Amino acid sequence: MAIEQLRAAIERRPVIDHARGVLMAAHRLTSEDAWKILVSVSQHSNIKLRTVAVDIVANAPGGDVHGSFPRLIESALEELKAE
């Protein structure tokens, strides 16, 4: 079972890293802050982090870096600024 979990994690990683890059470029964030945004959106929407990342990446070419989660991303950015 551990090998299957490792394989799944490896497959998810590229899209999550890509989404972090999109957020970093769009909002001038560090890698760590982009990670915090992804985690926050995932937790507040109760949607898996990979699914959030796929949505952000899928919408990035059209210029909508928020994808399906504009309010949650804006809220997470505001929380991050308040830290």
C-alpha atoms as a PDB file:
ATOM      1  CA  MET A   1       0.000   0.000   0.000  1.00  0.00           C
ATOM      2  CA  ALA A   2       2.824   2.448   0.747  1.00  0.00           C
ATOM      3  CA  ILE A   3       4.189   2.121  -2.791  1.00  0.00           C
ATOM      4  CA  GLU A   4       0.791   2.980  -4.266  1.00  0.00           C
ATOM      5  CA  GLN A   5       0.547   6.048  -2.046  1.00  0.00           C
ATOM      6  CA  LEU A   6       4.026   7.140  -3.108  1.00  0.00           C
ATOM      7  CA  ARG A   7       3.155   6.743  -6.792  1.00  0.00           C
ATOM      8  CA  ALA A   8      -0.021   8.759  -6.327  1.00  0.00           C
ATOM      9  CA  ALA A   9       1.911  11.523  -4.562  1.00  0.00           C
ATOM     10  CA  ILE A  10       4.465  11.662  -7.371  1.00  0.00           C
ATOM     11  CA  GLU A  11       1.712  11.951  -9.980  1.00  0.00           C
ATOM     12  CA  ARG A  12      -0.004  14.807  -8.095  1.00  0.00           C
ATOM     13  CA  ARG A  13       3.135  16.836  -7.511  1.00  0.00           C
ATOM     14  CA  PRO A  14       3.627  18.443 -10.962  1.00  0.00           C
ATOM     15  CA  VAL A  15       0.169  20.010 -11.137  1.00  0.00           C
ATOM     16  CA  ILE A  16       0.438  21.297  -7.575  1.00  0.00           C
ATOM     17  CA  ASP A  17       3.838  22.841  -8.314  1.00  0.00           C
ATOM     18  CA  HIS A  18       2.448  24.370 -11.506  1.00  0.00           C
ATOM     19  CA  ALA A  19      -0.465  25.901  -9.588  1.00  0.00           C
ATOM     20  CA  ARG A  20       1.980  27.304  -7.042  1.00  0.00           C
ATOM     21  CA  GLY A  21       3.895  28.891  -9.896  1.00  0.00           C
ATOM     22  CA  VAL A  22       0.732  30.422 -11.327  1.00  0.00           C
ATOM     23  CA  LEU A  23      -0.166  31.914  -7.951  1.00  0.00           C
ATOM     24  CA  MET A  24       3.395  33.125  -7.411  1.00  0.00           C
ATOM     25  CA  ALA A  25       3.428  34.927 -10.751  1.00  0.00           C
ATOM     26  CA  ALA A  26      -0.086  36.336 -10.498  1.00  0.00           C
ATOM     27  CA  HIS A  27       0.163  37.584  -6.933  1.00  0.00           C
ATOM     28  CA  ARG A  28       3.908  38.033  -6.417  1.00  0.00           C
ATOM     29  CA  LEU A  29       4.027  35.354  -3.732  1.00  0.00           C
ATOM     30  CA  THR A  30       6.843  33.227  -2.410  1.00  0.00           C
ATOM     31  CA  SER A  31       6.635  29.494  -2.968  1.00  0.00           C
ATOM     32  CA  GLU A  32       5.695  29.004   0.682  1.00  0.00           C
ATOM     33  CA  ASP A  33       2.935  31.618   0.522  1.00  0.00           C
ATOM     34  CA  ALA A  34       1.524  30.091  -2.669  1.00  0.00           C
ATOM     35  CA  TRP A  35       1.433  26.753  -0.846  1.00  0.00           C
ATOM     36  CA  LYS A  36      -0.473  28.381   2.028  1.00  0.00           C
ATOM     37  CA  ILE A  37      -3.023  29.775  -0.447  1.00  0.00           C
ATOM     38  CA  LEU A  38      -3.566  26.354  -2.035  1.00  0.00           C
ATOM     39  CA  VAL A  39      -3.972  24.674   1.347  1.00  0.00           C
ATOM     40  CA  SER A  40      -6.353  27.364   2.582  1.00  0.00           C
ATOM     41  CA  VAL A  41      -8.551  27.152  -0.518  1.00  0.00           C
ATOM     42  CA  SER A  42      -8.585  23.367  -0.294  1.00  0.00           C
ATOM     43  CA  GLN A  43      -9.538  23.373   3.375  1.00  0.00           C
ATOM     44  CA  HIS A  44     -12.194  26.083   3.109  1.00  0.00           C
ATOM     45  CA  SER A  45     -13.811  24.555   0.029  1.00  0.00           C
ATOM     46  CA  ASN A  46     -13.492  20.973   1.302  1.00  0.00           C
ATOM     47  CA  ILE A  47     -12.014  20.053  -2.087  1.00  0.00           C
ATOM     48  CA  LYS A  48      -8.818  18.064  -2.493  1.00  0.00           C
ATOM     49  CA  LEU A  49      -5.722  20.182  -2.973  1.00  0.00           C
ATOM     50  CA  ARG A  50      -4.917  18.474  -6.290  1.00  0.00           C
ATOM     51  CA  THR A  51      -8.389  19.345  -7.619  1.00  0.00           C
ATOM     52  CA  VAL A  52      -7.921  22.989  -6.627  1.00  0.00           C
ATOM     53  CA  ALA A  53      -4.508  22.988  -8.327  1.00  0.00           C
ATOM     54  CA  VAL A  54      -5.900  21.454 -11.525  1.00  0.00           C
ATOM     55  CA  ASP A  55      -8.602  24.139 -11.659  1.00  0.00           C
ATOM     56  CA  ILE A  56      -6.100  26.974 -11.182  1.00  0.00           C
ATOM     57  CA  VAL A  57      -3.760  25.578 -13.844  1.00  0.00           C
ATOM     58  CA  ALA A  58      -6.612  24.902 -16.270  1.00  0.00           C
ATOM     59  CA  ASN A  59      -7.821  28.489 -16.001  1.00  0.00           C
ATOM     60  CA  ALA A  60      -4.420  30.188 -16.037  1.00  0.00           C
ATOM     61  CA  PRO A  61      -4.034  30.314 -19.848  1.00  0.00           C
ATOM     62  CA  GLY A  62      -7.316  32.249 -20.072  1.00  0.00           C
ATOM     63  CA  GLY A  63      -6.067  34.799 -17.581  1.00  0.00           C
ATOM     64  CA  ASP A  64      -8.402  33.739 -14.770  1.00  0.00           C
ATOM     65  CA  VAL A  65      -5.906  32.577 -12.173  1.00  0.00           C
ATOM     66  CA  HIS A  66      -8.715  32.229  -9.656  1.00  0.00           C
ATOM     67  CA  GLY A  67     -10.556  29.549 -11.612  1.00  0.00           C
ATOM     68  CA  SER A  68     -13.571  28.357  -9.669  1.00  0.00           C
ATOM     69  CA  PHE A  69     -12.327  29.755  -6.374  1.00  0.00           C
ATOM     70  CA  PRO A  70     -12.010  33.563  -6.692  1.00  0.00           C
ATOM     71  CA  ARG A  71     -13.491  34.444  -3.308  1.00  0.00           C
ATOM     72  CA  LEU A  72     -11.535  31.766  -1.468  1.00  0.00           C
ATOM     73  CA  ILE A  73      -8.250  32.815  -3.075  1.00  0.00           C
ATOM     74  CA  GLU A  74      -8.909  36.481  -2.293  1.00  0.00           C
ATOM     75  CA  SER A  75      -9.820  35.575   1.272  1.00  0.00           C
ATOM     76  CA  ALA A  76      -6.654  33.481   1.655  1.00  0.00           C
ATOM     77  CA  LEU A  77      -4.570  36.356   0.254  1.00  0.00           C
ATOM     78  CA  GLU A  78      -6.119  38.735   2.802  1.00  0.00           C
ATOM     79  CA  GLU A  79      -5.374  36.273   5.635  1.00  0.00           C
ATOM     80  CA  LEU A  80      -1.816  35.965   4.414  1.00  0.00           C
ATOM     81  CA  LYS A  81      -1.357  39.740   4.421  1.00  0.00           C
ATOM     82  CA  ALA A  82      -2.705  39.897   7.970  1.00  0.00           C
ATOM     83  CA  GLU A  83      -0.055  37.463   9.273  1.00  0.00           C
END
